[in-house]
Amino acid sequence: MERIALSFDIEKSHIDYDGASDLRHEISTRLDKALRAANSGKWVGGSYTKDYMEIFVKVDDYQQTLPVIQATLKDHWLLPLMEITRRSDQKSRRR
């Protein structure tokens, strides 16, 4: 499995720490459920501040997992803020 990080710059959203915590939990839960249903990966951790959030997932196939992530967040205001980083080779891809 390959580890990837989903990063979100949420500074302009002006949410507090509790709001950032709730947001990270919401997105992590959504992604974990979708990745497991697609049998393509799982949520493995994350971090947050009131300005920045990261969600870590392990995936079987990076290219096949991208559409699952996109579909899961397609209607969420965070999608345009998402940056995906492959941890195995440190390549970044803006989404």
PDB file of N, CA and C in Angstrom:
ATOM      1  N   MET A   1       0.836  -1.190   0.000  1.00  0.00           N
ATOM      2  CA  MET A   1       0.000   0.000   0.000  1.00  0.00           C
ATOM      3  C   MET A   1       0.875   1.246   0.000  1.00  0.00           C
ATOM      4  N   GLU A   2       0.384   2.247  -0.628  1.00  0.00           N
ATOM      5  CA  GLU A   2       1.076   3.529  -0.721  1.00  0.00           C
ATOM      6  C   GLU A   2       0.375   4.544   0.174  1.00  0.00           C
ATOM      7  N   ARG A   3       1.155   5.348   0.840  1.00  0.00           N
ATOM      8  CA  ARG A   3       0.594   6.374   1.730  1.00  0.00           C
ATOM      9  C   ARG A   3       0.528   7.701   0.988  1.00  0.00           C
ATOM     10  N   ILE A   4      -0.643   8.346   1.081  1.00  0.00           N
ATOM     11  CA  ILE A   4      -0.783   9.679   0.491  1.00  0.00           C
ATOM     12  C   ILE A   4      -1.367  10.617   1.544  1.00  0.00           C
ATOM     13  N   ALA A   5      -1.084  11.896   1.361  1.00  0.00           N
ATOM     14  CA  ALA A   5      -1.610  12.923   2.262  1.00  0.00           C
ATOM     15  C   ALA A   5      -2.501  13.862   1.462  1.00  0.00           C
ATOM     16  N   LEU A   6      -3.649  14.162   2.026  1.00  0.00           N
ATOM     17  CA  LEU A   6      -4.551  15.159   1.465  1.00  0.00           C
ATOM     18  C   LEU A   6      -4.419  16.390   2.350  1.00  0.00           C
ATOM     19  N   SER A   7      -3.978  17.486   1.789  1.00  0.00           N
ATOM     20  CA  SER A   7      -3.735  18.715   2.547  1.00  0.00           C
ATOM     21  C   SER A   7      -4.714  19.794   2.128  1.00  0.00           C
ATOM     22  N   PHE A   8      -5.159  20.563   3.114  1.00  0.00           N
ATOM     23  CA  PHE A   8      -6.138  21.621   2.879  1.00  0.00           C
ATOM     24  C   PHE A   8      -5.719  22.875   3.638  1.00  0.00           C
ATOM     25  N   ASP A   9      -5.567  23.977   2.932  1.00  0.00           N
ATOM     26  CA  ASP A   9      -5.298  25.267   3.572  1.00  0.00           C
ATOM     27  C   ASP A   9      -6.659  25.873   3.914  1.00  0.00           C
ATOM     28  N   ILE A  10      -7.025  25.825   5.181  1.00  0.00           N
ATOM     29  CA  ILE A  10      -8.352  26.280   5.615  1.00  0.00           C
ATOM     30  C   ILE A  10      -8.302  27.620   6.341  1.00  0.00           C
ATOM     31  N   GLU A  11      -7.184  28.306   6.239  1.00  0.00           N
ATOM     32  CA  GLU A  11      -7.010  29.576   6.945  1.00  0.00           C
ATOM     33  C   GLU A  11      -8.108  30.587   6.622  1.00  0.00           C
ATOM     34  N   LYS A  12      -8.479  30.693   5.369  1.00  0.00           N
ATOM     35  CA  LYS A  12      -9.472  31.692   4.959  1.00  0.00           C
ATOM     36  C   LYS A  12     -10.894  31.327   5.368  1.00  0.00           C
ATOM     37  N   SER A  13     -11.088  30.121   5.868  1.00  0.00           N
ATOM     38  CA  SER A  13     -12.432  29.719   6.298  1.00  0.00           C
ATOM     39  C   SER A  13     -12.781  30.303   7.668  1.00  0.00           C
ATOM     40  N   HIS A  14     -11.773  30.771   8.394  1.00  0.00           N
ATOM     41  CA  HIS A  14     -11.955  31.406   9.702  1.00  0.00           C
ATOM     42  C   HIS A  14     -12.704  30.516  10.700  1.00  0.00           C
ATOM     43  N   ILE A  15     -12.391  29.225  10.700  1.00  0.00           N
ATOM     44  CA  ILE A  15     -12.995  28.352  11.696  1.00  0.00           C
ATOM     45  C   ILE A  15     -12.055  28.234  12.885  1.00  0.00           C
ATOM     46  N   ASP A  16     -12.604  27.906  14.034  1.00  0.00           N
ATOM     47  CA  ASP A  16     -11.784  27.760  15.227  1.00  0.00           C
ATOM     48  C   ASP A  16     -11.260  26.319  15.319  1.00  0.00           C
ATOM     49  N   TYR A  17     -10.522  26.023  16.399  1.00  0.00           N
ATOM     50  CA  TYR A  17      -9.928  24.696  16.559  1.00  0.00           C
ATOM     51  C   TYR A  17     -10.989  23.595  16.624  1.00  0.00           C
ATOM     52  N   ASP A  18     -12.068  23.846  17.338  1.00  0.00           N
ATOM     53  CA  ASP A  18     -13.136  22.840  17.415  1.00  0.00           C
ATOM     54  C   ASP A  18     -13.760  22.607  16.041  1.00  0.00           C
ATOM     55  N   GLY A  19     -13.959  23.667  15.292  1.00  0.00           N
ATOM     56  CA  GLY A  19     -14.499  23.536  13.943  1.00  0.00           C
ATOM     57  C   GLY A  19     -13.554  22.769  13.030  1.00  0.00           C
ATOM     58  N   ALA A  20     -12.255  23.036  13.160  1.00  0.00           N
ATOM     59  CA  ALA A  20     -11.256  22.315  12.363  1.00  0.00           C
ATOM     60  C   ALA A  20     -11.227  20.835  12.748  1.00  0.00           C
ATOM     61  N   SER A  21     -11.365  20.561  14.022  1.00  0.00           N
ATOM     62  CA  SER A  21     -11.409  19.172  14.487  1.00  0.00           C
ATOM     63  C   SER A  21     -12.622  18.449  13.909  1.00  0.00           C
ATOM     64  N   ASP A  22     -13.762  19.095  13.984  1.00  0.00           N
ATOM     65  CA  ASP A  22     -14.988  18.501  13.441  1.00  0.00           C
ATOM     66  C   ASP A  22     -14.874  18.287  11.933  1.00  0.00           C
ATOM     67  N   LEU A  23     -14.296  19.244  11.250  1.00  0.00           N
ATOM     68  CA  LEU A  23     -14.133  19.147   9.807  1.00  0.00           C
ATOM     69  C   LEU A  23     -13.205  17.989   9.443  1.00  0.00           C
ATOM     70  N   ARG A  24     -12.076  17.874  10.129  1.00  0.00           N
ATOM     71  CA  ARG A  24     -11.149  16.770   9.866  1.00  0.00           C
ATOM     72  C   ARG A  24     -11.825  15.436  10.112  1.00  0.00           C
ATOM     73  N   HIS A  25     -12.582  15.341  11.181  1.00  0.00           N
ATOM     74  CA  HIS A  25     -13.291  14.097  11.493  1.00  0.00           C
ATOM     75  C   HIS A  25     -14.316  13.774  10.400  1.00  0.00           C
ATOM     76  N   GLU A  26     -15.079  14.771   9.976  1.00  0.00           N
ATOM     77  CA  GLU A  26     -16.096  14.567   8.934  1.00  0.00           C
ATOM     78  C   GLU A  26     -15.462  14.060   7.642  1.00  0.00           C
ATOM     79  N   ILE A  27     -14.404  14.727   7.189  1.00  0.00           N
ATOM     80  CA  ILE A  27     -13.765  14.361   5.921  1.00  0.00           C
ATOM     81  C   ILE A  27     -13.075  13.005   6.043  1.00  0.00           C
ATOM     82  N   SER A  28     -12.425  12.755   7.157  1.00  0.00           N
ATOM     83  CA  SER A  28     -11.762  11.460   7.365  1.00  0.00           C
ATOM     84  C   SER A  28     -12.767  10.319   7.332  1.00  0.00           C
ATOM     85  N   THR A  29     -13.901  10.511   7.982  1.00  0.00           N
ATOM     86  CA  THR A  29     -14.944   9.479   8.014  1.00  0.00           C
ATOM     87  C   THR A  29     -15.499   9.223   6.619  1.00  0.00           C
ATOM     88  N   ARG A  30     -15.787  10.296   5.895  1.00  0.00           N
ATOM     89  CA  ARG A  30     -16.289  10.164   4.517  1.00  0.00           C
ATOM     90  C   ARG A  30     -15.312   9.394   3.640  1.00  0.00           C
ATOM     91  N   LEU A  31     -14.051   9.808   3.703  1.00  0.00           N
ATOM     92  CA  LEU A  31     -13.044   9.173   2.862  1.00  0.00           C
ATOM     93  C   LEU A  31     -12.820   7.715   3.238  1.00  0.00           C
ATOM     94  N   ASP A  32     -12.747   7.437   4.529  1.00  0.00           N
ATOM     95  CA  ASP A  32     -12.530   6.055   4.957  1.00  0.00           C
ATOM     96  C   ASP A  32     -13.662   5.154   4.467  1.00  0.00           C
ATOM     97  N   LYS A  33     -14.877   5.611   4.625  1.00  0.00           N
ATOM     98  CA  LYS A  33     -16.039   4.834   4.189  1.00  0.00           C
ATOM     99  C   LYS A  33     -15.991   4.587   2.677  1.00  0.00           C
ATOM    100  N   ALA A  34     -15.699   5.630   1.904  1.00  0.00           N
ATOM    101  CA  ALA A  34     -15.660   5.502   0.443  1.00  0.00           C
ATOM    102  C   ALA A  34     -14.506   4.619  -0.024  1.00  0.00           C
ATOM    103  N   LEU A  35     -13.339   4.798   0.564  1.00  0.00           N
ATOM    104  CA  LEU A  35     -12.177   3.998   0.171  1.00  0.00           C
ATOM    105  C   LEU A  35     -12.379   2.524   0.493  1.00  0.00           C
ATOM    106  N   ARG A  36     -12.929   2.250   1.667  1.00  0.00           N
ATOM    107  CA  ARG A  36     -13.185   0.856   2.036  1.00  0.00           C
ATOM    108  C   ARG A  36     -14.262   0.241   1.146  1.00  0.00           C
ATOM    109  N   ALA A  37     -15.300   1.001   0.833  1.00  0.00           N
ATOM    110  CA  ALA A  37     -16.369   0.488  -0.034  1.00  0.00           C
ATOM    111  C   ALA A  37     -15.838   0.162  -1.431  1.00  0.00           C
ATOM    112  N   ALA A  38     -14.889   0.962  -1.909  1.00  0.00           N
ATOM    113  CA  ALA A  38     -14.291   0.740  -3.224  1.00  0.00           C
ATOM    114  C   ALA A  38     -13.150  -0.271  -3.159  1.00  0.00           C
ATOM    115  N   ASN A  39     -12.858  -0.744  -1.952  1.00  0.00           N
ATOM    116  CA  ASN A  39     -11.768  -1.693  -1.723  1.00  0.00           C
ATOM    117  C   ASN A  39     -10.444  -1.161  -2.288  1.00  0.00           C
ATOM    118  N   SER A  40     -10.228   0.149  -2.072  1.00  0.00           N
ATOM    119  CA  SER A  40      -9.029   0.773  -2.627  1.00  0.00           C
ATOM    120  C   SER A  40      -8.102   1.391  -1.586  1.00  0.00           C
ATOM    121  N   GLY A  41      -8.517   1.411  -0.330  1.00  0.00           N
ATOM    122  CA  GLY A  41      -7.655   1.977   0.687  1.00  0.00           C
ATOM    123  C   GLY A  41      -8.388   2.226   1.980  1.00  0.00           C
ATOM    124  N   LYS A  42      -7.713   3.001   2.873  1.00  0.00           N
ATOM    125  CA  LYS A  42      -8.306   3.307   4.172  1.00  0.00           C
ATOM    126  C   LYS A  42      -7.648   4.544   4.768  1.00  0.00           C
ATOM    127  N   TRP A  43      -8.378   5.180   5.664  1.00  0.00           N
ATOM    128  CA  TRP A  43      -7.867   6.313   6.425  1.00  0.00           C
ATOM    129  C   TRP A  43      -6.891   5.789   7.474  1.00  0.00           C
ATOM    130  N   VAL A  44      -5.759   6.489   7.668  1.00  0.00           N
ATOM    131  CA  VAL A  44      -4.780   6.038   8.662  1.00  0.00           C
ATOM    132  C   VAL A  44      -4.352   7.130   9.642  1.00  0.00           C
ATOM    133  N   GLY A  45      -4.855   8.353   9.472  1.00  0.00           N
ATOM    134  CA  GLY A  45      -4.485   9.390  10.423  1.00  0.00           C
ATOM    135  C   GLY A  45      -4.676  10.775   9.853  1.00  0.00           C
ATOM    136  N   GLY A  46      -4.255  11.745  10.627  1.00  0.00           N
ATOM    137  CA  GLY A  46      -4.381  13.123  10.182  1.00  0.00           C
ATOM    138  C   GLY A  46      -3.941  14.090  11.250  1.00  0.00           C
ATOM    139  N   SER A  47      -3.942  15.350  10.878  1.00  0.00           N
ATOM    140  CA  SER A  47      -3.597  16.407  11.817  1.00  0.00           C
ATOM    141  C   SER A  47      -4.327  17.672  11.380  1.00  0.00           C
ATOM    142  N   TYR A  48      -4.383  18.629  12.284  1.00  0.00           N
ATOM    143  CA  TYR A  48      -5.059  19.884  11.947  1.00  0.00           C
ATOM    144  C   TYR A  48      -4.627  20.994  12.883  1.00  0.00           C
ATOM    145  N   THR A  49      -4.768  22.192  12.377  1.00  0.00           N
ATOM    146  CA  THR A  49      -4.732  23.412  13.171  1.00  0.00           C
ATOM    147  C   THR A  49      -5.954  24.193  12.691  1.00  0.00           C
ATOM    148  N   LYS A  50      -6.152  25.368  13.176  1.00  0.00           N
ATOM    149  CA  LYS A  50      -7.285  26.148  12.687  1.00  0.00           C
ATOM    150  C   LYS A  50      -7.026  26.684  11.279  1.00  0.00           C
ATOM    151  N   ASP A  51      -5.789  26.559  10.788  1.00  0.00           N
ATOM    152  CA  ASP A  51      -5.419  27.075   9.474  1.00  0.00           C
ATOM    153  C   ASP A  51      -5.105  26.009   8.426  1.00  0.00           C
ATOM    154  N   TYR A  52      -4.831  24.787   8.866  1.00  0.00           N
ATOM    155  CA  TYR A  52      -4.328  23.768   7.948  1.00  0.00           C
ATOM    156  C   TYR A  52      -4.772  22.385   8.412  1.00  0.00           C
ATOM    157  N   MET A  53      -5.090  21.534   7.461  1.00  0.00           N
ATOM    158  CA  MET A  53      -5.553  20.194   7.804  1.00  0.00           C
ATOM    159  C   MET A  53      -4.914  19.193   6.858  1.00  0.00           C
ATOM    160  N   GLU A  54      -4.509  18.047   7.407  1.00  0.00           N
ATOM    161  CA  GLU A  54      -3.995  16.952   6.604  1.00  0.00           C
ATOM    162  C   GLU A  54      -4.735  15.677   6.973  1.00  0.00           C
ATOM    163  N   ILE A  55      -4.979  14.863   5.960  1.00  0.00           N
ATOM    164  CA  ILE A  55      -5.593  13.562   6.161  1.00  0.00           C
ATOM    165  C   ILE A  55      -4.708  12.551   5.457  1.00  0.00           C
ATOM    166  N   PHE A  56      -4.345  11.493   6.182  1.00  0.00           N
ATOM    167  CA  PHE A  56      -3.467  10.468   5.629  1.00  0.00           C
ATOM    168  C   PHE A  56      -4.266   9.215   5.318  1.00  0.00           C
ATOM    169  N   VAL A  57      -4.059   8.699   4.117  1.00  0.00           N
ATOM    170  CA  VAL A  57      -4.716   7.462   3.716  1.00  0.00           C
ATOM    171  C   VAL A  57      -3.685   6.529   3.094  1.00  0.00           C
ATOM    172  N   LYS A  58      -3.957   5.253   3.197  1.00  0.00           N
ATOM    173  CA  LYS A  58      -3.160   4.244   2.508  1.00  0.00           C
ATOM    174  C   LYS A  58      -4.022   3.696   1.394  1.00  0.00           C
ATOM    175  N   VAL A  59      -3.421   3.594   0.215  1.00  0.00           N
ATOM    176  CA  VAL A  59      -4.170   3.160  -0.961  1.00  0.00           C
ATOM    177  C   VAL A  59      -3.428   2.033  -1.667  1.00  0.00           C
ATOM    178  N   ASP A  60      -4.194   1.204  -2.355  1.00  0.00           N
ATOM    179  CA  ASP A  60      -3.592   0.113  -3.121  1.00  0.00           C
ATOM    180  C   ASP A  60      -3.042   0.607  -4.447  1.00  0.00           C
ATOM    181  N   ASP A  61      -3.778   1.477  -5.120  1.00  0.00           N
ATOM    182  CA  ASP A  61      -3.376   1.979  -6.432  1.00  0.00           C
ATOM    183  C   ASP A  61      -3.701   3.470  -6.497  1.00  0.00           C
ATOM    184  N   TYR A  62      -2.683   4.277  -6.522  1.00  0.00           N
ATOM    185  CA  TYR A  62      -2.839   5.737  -6.488  1.00  0.00           C
ATOM    186  C   TYR A  62      -3.773   6.235  -7.597  1.00  0.00           C
ATOM    187  N   GLN A  63      -3.514   5.827  -8.826  1.00  0.00           N
ATOM    188  CA  GLN A  63      -4.302   6.315  -9.957  1.00  0.00           C
ATOM    189  C   GLN A  63      -5.767   5.892  -9.877  1.00  0.00           C
ATOM    190  N   GLN A  64      -6.036   4.702  -9.387  1.00  0.00           N
ATOM    191  CA  GLN A  64      -7.421   4.244  -9.273  1.00  0.00           C
ATOM    192  C   GLN A  64      -8.133   4.873  -8.081  1.00  0.00           C
ATOM    193  N   THR A  65      -7.380   5.336  -7.114  1.00  0.00           N
ATOM    194  CA  THR A  65      -7.965   5.934  -5.918  1.00  0.00           C
ATOM    195  C   THR A  65      -8.362   7.392  -6.129  1.00  0.00           C
ATOM    196  N   LEU A  66      -7.691   8.100  -7.007  1.00  0.00           N
ATOM    197  CA  LEU A  66      -8.001   9.521  -7.232  1.00  0.00           C
ATOM    198  C   LEU A  66      -9.466   9.763  -7.568  1.00  0.00           C
ATOM    199  N   PRO A  67     -10.088   8.988  -8.463  1.00  0.00           N
ATOM    200  CA  PRO A  67     -11.511   9.218  -8.745  1.00  0.00           C
ATOM    201  C   PRO A  67     -12.408   8.968  -7.532  1.00  0.00           C
ATOM    202  N   VAL A  68     -12.025   8.042  -6.671  1.00  0.00           N
ATOM    203  CA  VAL A  68     -12.806   7.770  -5.460  1.00  0.00           C
ATOM    204  C   VAL A  68     -12.764   8.988  -4.544  1.00  0.00           C
ATOM    205  N   ILE A  69     -11.583   9.550  -4.376  1.00  0.00           N
ATOM    206  CA  ILE A  69     -11.421  10.741  -3.531  1.00  0.00           C
ATOM    207  C   ILE A  69     -12.205  11.911  -4.128  1.00  0.00           C
ATOM    208  N   GLN A  70     -12.046  12.123  -5.433  1.00  0.00           N
ATOM    209  CA  GLN A  70     -12.758  13.216  -6.109  1.00  0.00           C
ATOM    210  C   GLN A  70     -14.271  13.079  -5.950  1.00  0.00           C
ATOM    211  N   ALA A  71     -14.784  11.874  -6.177  1.00  0.00           N
ATOM    212  CA  ALA A  71     -16.230  11.648  -6.073  1.00  0.00           C
ATOM    213  C   ALA A  71     -16.731  11.848  -4.652  1.00  0.00           C
ATOM    214  N   THR A  72     -15.926  11.461  -3.686  1.00  0.00           N
ATOM    215  CA  THR A  72     -16.318  11.579  -2.282  1.00  0.00           C
ATOM    216  C   THR A  72     -16.438  13.034  -1.858  1.00  0.00           C
ATOM    217  N   LEU A  73     -15.578  13.879  -2.377  1.00  0.00           N
ATOM    218  CA  LEU A  73     -15.556  15.291  -1.970  1.00  0.00           C
ATOM    219  C   LEU A  73     -16.134  16.232  -3.021  1.00  0.00           C
ATOM    220  N   LYS A  74     -16.745  15.696  -4.073  1.00  0.00           N
ATOM    221  CA  LYS A  74     -17.176  16.526  -5.203  1.00  0.00           C
ATOM    222  C   LYS A  74     -18.106  17.670  -4.827  1.00  0.00           C
ATOM    223  N   ASP A  75     -18.934  17.505  -3.823  1.00  0.00           N
ATOM    224  CA  ASP A  75     -19.877  18.549  -3.428  1.00  0.00           C
ATOM    225  C   ASP A  75     -19.444  19.310  -2.174  1.00  0.00           C
ATOM    226  N   HIS A  76     -18.212  19.086  -1.738  1.00  0.00           N
ATOM    227  CA  HIS A  76     -17.738  19.723  -0.507  1.00  0.00           C
ATOM    228  C   HIS A  76     -16.902  20.956  -0.841  1.00  0.00           C
ATOM    229  N   TRP A  77     -17.035  21.994  -0.038  1.00  0.00           N
ATOM    230  CA  TRP A  77     -16.300  23.236  -0.287  1.00  0.00           C
ATOM    231  C   TRP A  77     -14.783  23.065  -0.175  1.00  0.00           C
ATOM    232  N   LEU A  78     -14.329  21.963   0.425  1.00  0.00           N
ATOM    233  CA  LEU A  78     -12.893  21.732   0.570  1.00  0.00           C
ATOM    234  C   LEU A  78     -12.208  21.254  -0.711  1.00  0.00           C
ATOM    235  N   LEU A  79     -12.959  20.666  -1.621  1.00  0.00           N
ATOM    236  CA  LEU A  79     -12.331  20.065  -2.806  1.00  0.00           C
ATOM    237  C   LEU A  79     -11.378  21.015  -3.533  1.00  0.00           C
ATOM    238  N   PRO A  80     -11.746  22.267  -3.803  1.00  0.00           N
ATOM    239  CA  PRO A  80     -10.817  23.152  -4.512  1.00  0.00           C
ATOM    240  C   PRO A  80      -9.546  23.479  -3.711  1.00  0.00           C
ATOM    241  N   LEU A  81      -9.574  23.233  -2.424  1.00  0.00           N
ATOM    242  CA  LEU A  81      -8.423  23.530  -1.571  1.00  0.00           C
ATOM    243  C   LEU A  81      -7.489  22.344  -1.406  1.00  0.00           C
ATOM    244  N   MET A  82      -7.845  21.197  -1.969  1.00  0.00           N
ATOM    245  CA  MET A  82      -7.111  19.956  -1.720  1.00  0.00           C
ATOM    246  C   MET A  82      -5.838  19.860  -2.542  1.00  0.00           C
ATOM    247  N   GLU A  83      -4.778  19.454  -1.876  1.00  0.00           N
ATOM    248  CA  GLU A  83      -3.521  19.110  -2.533  1.00  0.00           C
ATOM    249  C   GLU A  83      -3.189  17.683  -2.114  1.00  0.00           C
ATOM    250  N   ILE A  84      -2.845  16.855  -3.077  1.00  0.00           N
ATOM    251  CA  ILE A  84      -2.524  15.460  -2.797  1.00  0.00           C
ATOM    252  C   ILE A  84      -1.024  15.256  -2.934  1.00  0.00           C
ATOM    253  N   THR A  85      -0.416  14.661  -1.919  1.00  0.00           N
ATOM    254  CA  THR A  85       1.010  14.375  -1.935  1.00  0.00           C
ATOM    255  C   THR A  85       1.223  12.881  -1.762  1.00  0.00           C
ATOM    256  N   ARG A  86       1.944  12.298  -2.683  1.00  0.00           N
ATOM    257  CA  ARG A  86       2.326  10.903  -2.559  1.00  0.00           C
ATOM    258  C   ARG A  86       3.520  10.838  -1.619  1.00  0.00           C
ATOM    259  N   ARG A  87       3.371  10.128  -0.524  1.00  0.00           N
ATOM    260  CA  ARG A  87       4.437  10.067   0.475  1.00  0.00           C
ATOM    261  C   ARG A  87       5.589   9.172   0.046  1.00  0.00           C
ATOM    262  N   SER A  88       5.347   8.229  -0.835  1.00  0.00           N
ATOM    263  CA  SER A  88       6.393   7.305  -1.235  1.00  0.00           C
ATOM    264  C   SER A  88       7.435   7.976  -2.144  1.00  0.00           C
ATOM    265  N   ASP A  89       6.993   8.958  -2.956  1.00  0.00           N
ATOM    266  CA  ASP A  89       7.937   9.591  -3.868  1.00  0.00           C
ATOM    267  C   ASP A  89       7.898  11.117  -3.793  1.00  0.00           C
ATOM    268  N   GLN A  90       7.084  11.657  -2.877  1.00  0.00           N
ATOM    269  CA  GLN A  90       6.992  13.100  -2.626  1.00  0.00           C
ATOM    270  C   GLN A  90       6.536  13.905  -3.839  1.00  0.00           C
ATOM    271  N   LYS A  91       5.829  13.287  -4.779  1.00  0.00           N
ATOM    272  CA  LYS A  91       5.254  14.048  -5.886  1.00  0.00           C
ATOM    273  C   LYS A  91       3.949  14.662  -5.429  1.00  0.00           C
ATOM    274  N   SER A  92       3.719  15.869  -5.822  1.00  0.00           N
ATOM    275  CA  SER A  92       2.477  16.554  -5.469  1.00  0.00           C
ATOM    276  C   SER A  92       1.606  16.692  -6.708  1.00  0.00           C
ATOM    277  N   ARG A  93       0.326  16.683  -6.459  1.00  0.00           N
ATOM    278  CA  ARG A  93      -0.625  16.868  -7.551  1.00  0.00           C
ATOM    279  C   ARG A  93      -1.762  17.721  -7.026  1.00  0.00           C
ATOM    280  N   ARG A  94      -1.983  18.847  -7.638  1.00  0.00           N
ATOM    281  CA  ARG A  94      -3.056  19.757  -7.234  1.00  0.00           C
ATOM    282  C   ARG A  94      -4.371  19.267  -7.790  1.00  0.00           C
ATOM    283  N   ARG A  95      -5.415  19.249  -6.990  1.00  0.00           N
ATOM    284  CA  ARG A  95      -6.758  18.835  -7.415  1.00  0.00           C
ATOM    285  C   ARG A  95      -7.724  19.901  -7.074  1.00  0.00           C
TER     286      ARG A  95
END
